[in-house]
N, C-alpha and C. Protein backbone atom coordinates (compact mmCIF):
# COMPACT_ATOMS: atom_id res chain seq x y z
N MET A 1 156.05 166.50 55.81
CA MET A 1 155.51 164.98 55.69
C MET A 1 156.57 164.50 54.23
N ASN A 2 157.06 163.38 54.89
CA ASN A 2 158.04 163.00 53.53
C ASN A 2 156.94 161.67 52.81
N GLU A 3 156.74 162.12 51.22
CA GLU A 3 155.42 161.66 50.43
C GLU A 3 156.09 159.84 50.48
N ASN A 4 157.13 159.44 51.29
CA ASN A 4 157.08 158.11 50.75
C ASN A 4 157.59 157.56 52.00
N CYS A 5 156.65 157.76 53.22
CA CYS A 5 157.14 157.26 54.50
C CYS A 5 155.97 156.60 54.98
N VAL A 6 155.88 155.85 55.56
CA VAL A 6 154.51 154.61 55.90
C VAL A 6 155.42 154.61 57.39
N LEU A 7 154.88 154.36 58.23
CA LEU A 7 155.21 154.23 60.02
C LEU A 7 153.98 152.93 60.26
N LEU A 8 154.67 152.02 60.37
CA LEU A 8 154.45 151.00 61.30
C LEU A 8 154.19 150.97 62.75
N ILE A 9 153.13 150.46 63.33
CA ILE A 9 152.56 150.88 64.49
C ILE A 9 152.27 149.31 65.34
N ASP A 10 153.06 148.41 65.59
CA ASP A 10 152.90 147.25 65.86
C ASP A 10 154.06 146.70 66.95
N ASP A 11 153.60 145.93 68.24
CA ASP A 11 154.12 145.31 69.20
C ASP A 11 154.73 143.95 69.00
N ASP A 12 153.92 143.04 67.47
CA ASP A 12 153.91 141.76 67.54
C ASP A 12 155.57 141.78 66.78
N PRO A 13 156.33 141.00 66.99
CA PRO A 13 157.70 140.83 65.96
C PRO A 13 157.51 140.35 64.96
N ALA A 14 156.68 139.16 65.10
CA ALA A 14 156.46 138.51 64.43
C ALA A 14 155.73 138.92 62.66
N ASP A 15 154.63 140.24 63.22
CA ASP A 15 153.99 140.56 62.44
C ASP A 15 154.66 141.98 61.62
N VAL A 16 155.36 142.19 62.45
CA VAL A 16 155.92 143.56 62.20
C VAL A 16 157.52 142.81 60.97
N PHE A 17 157.59 141.83 61.51
CA PHE A 17 158.76 141.30 60.52
C PHE A 17 157.94 141.19 58.59
N MET A 18 157.04 140.28 59.33
CA MET A 18 155.99 140.36 58.21
C MET A 18 155.80 141.37 56.95
N VAL A 19 155.51 142.08 57.73
CA VAL A 19 155.25 143.82 56.90
C VAL A 19 156.51 144.06 56.43
N GLN A 20 157.48 143.83 57.03
CA GLN A 20 158.99 144.79 56.49
C GLN A 20 159.55 143.34 55.58
N ARG A 21 159.16 142.80 55.63
CA ARG A 21 159.26 141.48 54.58
C ARG A 21 158.73 141.84 53.03
N ALA A 22 156.96 142.19 53.45
CA ALA A 22 157.08 141.77 52.11
C ALA A 22 157.50 143.46 51.39
N PHE A 23 157.00 144.78 52.00
CA PHE A 23 157.61 146.06 51.78
C PHE A 23 158.93 145.25 51.15
N GLY A 24 159.98 144.76 51.45
CA GLY A 24 161.03 144.26 50.67
C GLY A 24 160.79 143.81 49.62
N LYS A 25 160.48 142.72 49.76
CA LYS A 25 160.33 141.68 48.51
C LYS A 25 159.71 142.57 47.05
N LEU A 26 159.00 143.54 47.38
CA LEU A 26 158.59 144.23 46.32
C LEU A 26 158.92 145.11 46.52
N ARG A 27 160.16 145.38 46.76
CA ARG A 27 161.01 146.21 46.47
C ARG A 27 159.99 147.79 46.45
N LEU A 28 159.36 148.11 47.63
CA LEU A 28 158.51 149.45 47.27
C LEU A 28 159.71 150.96 47.51
N ALA A 29 159.03 151.66 46.83
CA ALA A 29 159.72 153.28 46.66
C ALA A 29 160.01 153.78 48.38
N VAL A 30 159.33 153.21 49.13
CA VAL A 30 158.84 153.46 49.74
C VAL A 30 159.60 152.99 51.59
N THR A 31 160.06 154.02 52.40
CA THR A 31 160.62 154.36 53.36
C THR A 31 159.35 153.91 54.40
N LEU A 32 160.06 152.44 55.45
CA LEU A 32 159.25 151.98 56.33
C LEU A 32 159.71 152.44 57.69
N LYS A 33 158.99 152.77 58.13
CA LYS A 33 159.01 153.15 59.97
C LYS A 33 158.58 152.43 60.92
N VAL A 34 159.02 152.02 61.86
CA VAL A 34 157.85 150.88 62.56
C VAL A 34 158.60 151.47 64.86
N VAL A 35 157.82 151.76 65.05
CA VAL A 35 157.55 151.59 66.36
C VAL A 35 156.67 150.43 66.83
N ASN A 36 156.79 150.31 68.40
CA ASN A 36 156.17 149.35 69.07
C ASN A 36 155.26 149.19 69.42
N ASP A 37 154.93 150.57 70.19
CA ASP A 37 153.90 150.42 71.05
C ASP A 37 153.03 152.05 70.79
N GLY A 38 151.91 152.25 71.39
CA GLY A 38 151.22 153.57 71.35
C GLY A 38 152.13 154.62 71.77
N ASP A 39 153.13 154.94 73.04
CA ASP A 39 153.37 155.43 73.69
C ASP A 39 154.73 155.86 72.53
N GLU A 40 155.37 155.36 71.74
CA GLU A 40 155.86 155.72 71.09
C GLU A 40 155.54 155.93 70.05
N ALA A 41 154.38 155.61 68.94
CA ALA A 41 154.03 156.22 68.28
C ALA A 41 153.62 157.48 68.47
N ILE A 42 152.86 158.36 69.25
CA ILE A 42 152.80 159.41 69.86
C ILE A 42 154.06 160.30 70.22
N ALA A 43 155.48 159.61 70.72
CA ALA A 43 156.58 160.19 70.74
C ALA A 43 157.06 160.64 68.64
N TYR A 44 156.89 159.20 68.09
CA TYR A 44 157.48 159.36 67.26
C TYR A 44 156.96 160.55 66.09
N LEU A 45 155.13 160.79 66.52
CA LEU A 45 154.09 161.47 65.46
C LEU A 45 154.72 163.26 65.90
N SER A 46 155.20 163.21 67.75
CA SER A 46 155.03 164.16 67.87
C SER A 46 156.18 164.92 67.82
N GLY A 47 157.32 164.04 67.58
CA GLY A 47 158.34 164.92 67.33
C GLY A 47 159.46 164.82 68.61
N HIS A 48 159.56 163.89 69.29
CA HIS A 48 159.90 164.47 70.88
C HIS A 48 160.78 163.02 70.92
N ALA A 49 161.93 163.57 72.21
CA ALA A 49 162.52 163.03 72.87
C ALA A 49 163.42 162.28 70.96
N ARG A 50 163.99 160.83 71.03
CA ARG A 50 164.59 160.64 70.13
C ARG A 50 164.32 160.69 68.85
N TYR A 51 162.92 161.32 68.67
CA TYR A 51 162.62 161.57 67.00
C TYR A 51 162.56 162.69 66.91
N ALA A 52 163.09 163.36 66.91
CA ALA A 52 162.95 164.86 66.90
C ALA A 52 163.80 165.29 65.62
N ASP A 53 164.20 164.70 65.28
CA ASP A 53 165.27 164.89 63.97
C ASP A 53 164.07 164.01 63.16
N ARG A 54 163.88 165.26 62.30
CA ARG A 54 162.85 164.58 60.82
C ARG A 54 163.33 163.89 59.57
N GLU A 55 164.70 164.40 60.12
CA GLU A 55 165.34 163.45 58.69
C GLU A 55 165.70 162.29 58.82
N GLU A 56 165.38 161.36 59.96
CA GLU A 56 165.97 160.49 60.68
C GLU A 56 164.48 159.66 60.78
N PHE A 57 163.59 160.73 61.12
CA PHE A 57 162.37 160.07 61.47
C PHE A 57 161.16 160.87 60.95
N PRO A 58 161.01 160.71 59.58
CA PRO A 58 160.40 161.82 58.44
C PRO A 58 158.91 161.78 59.18
N LEU A 59 158.32 162.83 59.17
CA LEU A 59 156.36 162.76 59.63
C LEU A 59 156.36 161.47 58.13
N PRO A 60 155.04 160.59 58.83
CA PRO A 60 154.51 159.64 57.12
C PRO A 60 153.80 160.09 56.73
N ASN A 61 153.15 159.47 56.15
CA ASN A 61 152.15 159.81 54.96
C ASN A 61 150.57 158.83 54.67
N LEU A 62 151.35 158.00 55.46
CA LEU A 62 150.41 157.03 55.58
C LEU A 62 151.27 156.05 57.27
N LEU A 63 149.88 155.84 57.88
CA LEU A 63 149.98 154.94 59.21
C LEU A 63 149.40 153.23 58.98
N LEU A 64 149.95 152.74 59.39
CA LEU A 64 149.77 151.19 59.68
C LEU A 64 149.70 151.11 60.90
N LEU A 65 148.36 150.95 61.90
CA LEU A 65 148.11 150.94 63.05
C LEU A 65 147.49 149.40 63.68
N ASP A 66 147.97 148.73 63.86
CA ASP A 66 147.68 147.82 65.07
C ASP A 66 146.22 148.07 66.25
N LEU A 67 145.80 147.70 66.48
CA LEU A 67 144.87 147.35 67.72
C LEU A 67 145.31 147.28 68.75
N LYS A 68 145.68 146.24 69.38
CA LYS A 68 146.08 145.30 70.81
C LYS A 68 147.51 145.43 71.37
N MET A 69 147.75 146.54 72.03
CA MET A 69 148.91 146.82 72.32
C MET A 69 149.10 147.18 73.52
N PRO A 70 150.50 146.90 73.87
CA PRO A 70 150.32 147.85 75.40
C PRO A 70 150.67 148.88 75.33
N ARG A 71 150.74 149.68 76.52
CA ARG A 71 150.78 151.22 77.20
C ARG A 71 149.45 151.88 76.51
N LYS A 72 149.25 152.24 75.25
CA LYS A 72 148.61 153.04 74.45
C LYS A 72 147.80 152.28 73.70
N SER A 73 147.01 151.37 73.62
CA SER A 73 146.18 151.05 72.61
C SER A 73 146.19 151.68 71.46
N GLY A 74 145.70 151.07 69.89
CA GLY A 74 145.96 151.49 68.89
C GLY A 74 144.81 152.44 68.88
N PHE A 75 143.25 152.00 69.94
CA PHE A 75 142.56 153.26 69.85
C PHE A 75 142.32 154.49 70.22
N GLU A 76 143.31 154.67 71.61
CA GLU A 76 143.91 155.53 71.86
C GLU A 76 145.01 156.06 70.88
N VAL A 77 145.56 155.29 70.39
CA VAL A 77 146.97 156.47 69.20
C VAL A 77 145.62 157.45 68.21
N LEU A 78 144.78 156.17 67.79
CA LEU A 78 143.61 156.65 66.97
C LEU A 78 143.44 157.87 67.15
N GLU A 79 142.81 157.69 68.44
CA GLU A 79 141.91 159.11 69.29
C GLU A 79 143.13 160.35 69.11
N TRP A 80 144.12 160.10 69.56
CA TRP A 80 144.86 161.01 69.92
C TRP A 80 145.16 161.45 68.62
N ILE A 81 145.52 161.10 67.13
CA ILE A 81 145.78 161.49 66.41
C ILE A 81 144.82 162.56 65.81
N LYS A 82 144.01 161.89 65.76
CA LYS A 82 142.25 162.72 65.21
C LYS A 82 142.44 163.94 65.75
N GLY A 83 142.84 163.82 67.51
CA GLY A 83 142.67 165.00 67.93
C GLY A 83 143.61 165.83 68.17
N GLN A 84 144.70 166.26 67.21
CA GLN A 84 145.98 166.72 66.75
C GLN A 84 145.48 167.54 65.78
N PRO A 85 145.55 168.86 65.38
CA PRO A 85 145.14 169.75 64.56
C PRO A 85 146.02 169.17 63.13
N THR A 86 147.36 169.09 63.67
CA THR A 86 148.55 169.43 62.33
C THR A 86 148.44 167.60 61.96
N LEU A 87 147.75 166.71 62.37
CA LEU A 87 147.93 165.47 62.18
C LEU A 87 146.37 164.49 61.73
N ARG A 88 145.36 165.56 62.01
CA ARG A 88 143.82 164.61 62.02
C ARG A 88 143.88 164.13 60.35
N ARG A 89 144.31 164.97 59.40
CA ARG A 89 144.41 164.32 58.13
C ARG A 89 145.06 163.05 58.12
N LEU A 90 146.33 163.09 58.52
CA LEU A 90 146.97 161.57 58.54
C LEU A 90 145.87 160.17 57.73
N PRO A 91 145.86 159.83 56.68
CA PRO A 91 145.19 158.56 56.36
C PRO A 91 145.81 157.29 57.41
N VAL A 92 145.08 156.99 58.52
CA VAL A 92 145.35 155.53 58.60
C VAL A 92 144.61 154.16 58.95
N ILE A 93 145.56 153.17 58.58
CA ILE A 93 144.93 151.95 57.88
C ILE A 93 144.94 151.55 59.47
N VAL A 94 143.90 151.06 60.50
CA VAL A 94 143.66 149.96 61.16
C VAL A 94 144.87 148.41 60.68
N LEU A 95 145.10 147.95 60.93
CA LEU A 95 145.82 146.66 60.24
C LEU A 95 145.91 145.80 61.69
N THR A 96 145.48 145.03 62.23
CA THR A 96 145.34 144.20 63.13
C THR A 96 144.85 143.00 62.96
N SER A 97 144.82 141.55 63.54
CA SER A 97 144.26 140.57 63.79
C SER A 97 143.27 140.35 64.23
N SER A 98 142.27 141.36 64.75
CA SER A 98 140.88 141.45 65.21
C SER A 98 139.82 141.76 63.62
N ASN A 99 138.99 140.58 63.79
CA ASN A 99 137.84 140.91 62.94
C ASN A 99 136.44 141.22 63.72
N GLN A 100 136.60 141.40 64.92
CA GLN A 100 135.56 141.76 65.28
C GLN A 100 134.50 142.81 65.40
N ARG A 101 133.56 142.93 64.94
CA ARG A 101 132.59 143.72 64.92
C ARG A 101 132.78 145.03 65.54
N ALA A 102 132.52 144.46 66.75
CA ALA A 102 132.71 146.03 67.61
C ALA A 102 134.34 146.73 67.45
N ASP A 103 135.39 145.59 67.06
CA ASP A 103 136.50 146.69 66.69
C ASP A 103 136.50 147.26 65.59
N ILE A 104 135.94 146.68 64.74
CA ILE A 104 135.59 147.63 62.75
C ILE A 104 135.06 148.10 64.04
N ASP A 105 134.00 148.23 64.31
CA ASP A 105 133.03 149.85 64.07
C ASP A 105 133.86 151.07 64.91
N ARG A 106 134.38 150.80 65.97
CA ARG A 106 134.72 151.71 66.78
C ARG A 106 136.10 152.12 65.97
N ALA A 107 136.75 151.37 65.36
CA ALA A 107 138.24 151.73 64.92
C ALA A 107 137.67 152.77 63.66
N TYR A 108 136.12 152.31 62.72
CA TYR A 108 135.57 153.75 61.83
C TYR A 108 135.26 155.07 62.57
N ASP A 109 134.90 155.15 63.98
CA ASP A 109 133.97 155.88 64.42
C ASP A 109 135.12 156.34 65.06
N THR A 110 136.01 155.99 65.59
CA THR A 110 137.32 157.07 65.94
C THR A 110 138.42 157.76 64.64
N GLY A 111 138.30 157.18 63.64
CA GLY A 111 138.40 157.95 62.46
C GLY A 111 139.54 156.94 61.71
N ALA A 112 139.38 156.02 61.53
CA ALA A 112 140.33 155.16 60.76
C ALA A 112 139.81 154.95 59.17
N ASN A 113 140.58 155.42 58.61
CA ASN A 113 140.12 155.41 56.83
C ASN A 113 140.21 153.85 56.49
N SER A 114 140.62 153.01 57.21
CA SER A 114 140.28 151.89 56.21
C SER A 114 141.04 150.82 57.82
N TYR A 115 140.08 149.52 57.33
CA TYR A 115 140.23 148.31 58.07
C TYR A 115 140.75 146.87 57.99
N LEU A 116 141.69 146.69 57.77
CA LEU A 116 141.90 145.32 57.30
C LEU A 116 142.66 144.23 58.70
N VAL A 117 142.29 143.24 58.05
CA VAL A 117 142.80 141.74 59.10
C VAL A 117 143.76 141.38 58.29
N LYS A 118 145.06 141.41 59.65
CA LYS A 118 146.66 140.97 59.15
C LYS A 118 146.35 139.17 58.64
N THR A 119 147.41 138.97 57.77
CA THR A 119 147.47 137.52 57.39
C THR A 119 148.84 136.78 57.80
N ALA A 120 149.00 135.81 58.18
CA ALA A 120 149.98 135.03 58.58
C ALA A 120 150.54 134.18 57.36
N ASN A 121 150.25 134.12 56.49
CA ASN A 121 150.87 133.75 54.95
C ASN A 121 151.11 134.58 53.94
N PRO A 122 153.36 134.41 54.24
CA PRO A 122 153.73 135.95 53.97
C PRO A 122 153.47 136.11 51.97
N GLU A 123 153.13 135.11 51.40
CA GLU A 123 152.04 135.83 49.98
C GLU A 123 150.86 136.55 49.92
N ALA A 124 149.69 136.11 50.97
CA ALA A 124 148.92 137.45 51.04
C ALA A 124 149.25 138.61 51.66
N MET A 125 150.25 138.24 52.42
CA MET A 125 150.94 139.62 53.37
C MET A 125 151.60 140.47 52.16
N GLN A 126 152.14 140.19 51.10
CA GLN A 126 152.63 140.25 50.27
C GLN A 126 151.68 141.18 49.19
N ASP A 127 150.35 140.12 48.94
CA ASP A 127 149.28 141.04 48.11
C ASP A 127 148.85 142.03 48.73
N LEU A 128 148.22 141.95 50.11
CA LEU A 128 147.73 142.88 50.43
C LEU A 128 148.97 144.53 50.35
N THR A 129 150.22 144.41 50.88
CA THR A 129 150.91 145.41 50.58
C THR A 129 151.25 146.36 49.25
N ARG A 130 150.84 145.06 48.82
CA ARG A 130 151.15 145.97 47.44
C ARG A 130 149.75 146.36 47.09
N LEU A 131 149.23 145.89 47.67
CA LEU A 131 147.37 146.87 47.21
C LEU A 131 147.42 148.09 47.91
N ILE A 132 147.66 147.91 49.08
CA ILE A 132 148.18 149.04 50.54
C ILE A 132 149.02 150.30 49.58
N ASP A 133 150.26 149.90 49.07
CA ASP A 133 151.18 150.75 48.05
C ASP A 133 150.10 151.68 46.75
N LEU A 134 149.82 150.95 46.23
CA LEU A 134 148.89 150.83 45.16
C LEU A 134 147.92 151.79 45.26
N TYR A 135 146.84 151.63 46.39
CA TYR A 135 145.72 152.87 46.09
C TYR A 135 146.18 154.18 47.27
N TRP A 136 146.84 154.10 48.45
CA TRP A 136 147.03 155.06 49.27
C TRP A 136 148.65 155.42 48.95
N ASN A 137 149.40 155.23 48.25
CA ASN A 137 150.68 155.74 48.19
C ASN A 137 150.75 156.30 46.88
N ARG A 138 150.09 155.26 45.77
CA ARG A 138 149.70 156.31 44.23
C ARG A 138 149.11 156.32 43.67
N MET A 139 147.63 155.85 43.83
CA MET A 139 146.41 156.23 43.43
C MET A 139 145.57 157.73 44.45
N ASN A 140 145.65 157.06 45.55
CA ASN A 140 145.03 158.28 46.17
C ASN A 140 145.46 159.36 46.48
N GLU A 141 144.71 161.12 46.27
CA GLU A 141 144.87 162.28 46.43
C GLU A 141 144.99 162.47 48.24
N ARG A 142 146.51 162.75 48.61
CA ARG A 142 146.75 162.58 49.45
C ARG A 142 146.01 164.20 50.25
N PRO A 143 145.92 164.21 51.41
CA PRO A 143 145.39 165.81 52.18
C PRO A 143 146.58 166.47 52.41
N GLN A 144 146.26 167.54 52.48
CA GLN A 144 147.59 168.77 53.06
C GLN A 144 147.07 168.99 54.47
N LEU A 145 148.23 168.32 55.04
CA LEU A 145 148.29 168.13 56.57
C LEU A 145 148.81 169.86 57.46
N LYS A 146 147.86 170.14 58.06
CA LYS A 146 147.98 171.31 58.54
C LYS A 146 149.11 171.86 59.17
N ALA A 147 149.63 172.93 58.85
CA ALA A 147 150.81 173.79 59.66
C ALA A 147 150.52 173.89 61.02
N GLU A 148 151.70 173.64 61.56
CA GLU A 148 151.66 173.74 63.24
C GLU A 148 151.24 175.14 63.49
């Protein structure tokens, strides 16, 4: 696990750009990796195919997960993660546009550690990103992931 790697799982190019821009503007000491759908997220986390090189594609210490994606939804990815003995402790922040009570409850029931609603405002996204980094990367005590 890379102590400073965050994996963003989101299929919307505009949302990916907003998050990348926020991380860049804040000059965080974090490597932000991006995958664009649920299947790609599982391949990345499994280290399969093009993601086998952990130097280039390190196991993240934090996931930012959109819910509404093609192929496998964020819910399916979350279920898969929590079913993996080596990954189930990996902190997952749902970062999505849905503020529907059913989605919020289902995300927590499935094992999400936090649920945040995306913003289209660049300054608000920077503030949100700053808080995510402060809490999850600096203040929070991280669990040890289990060895395979």
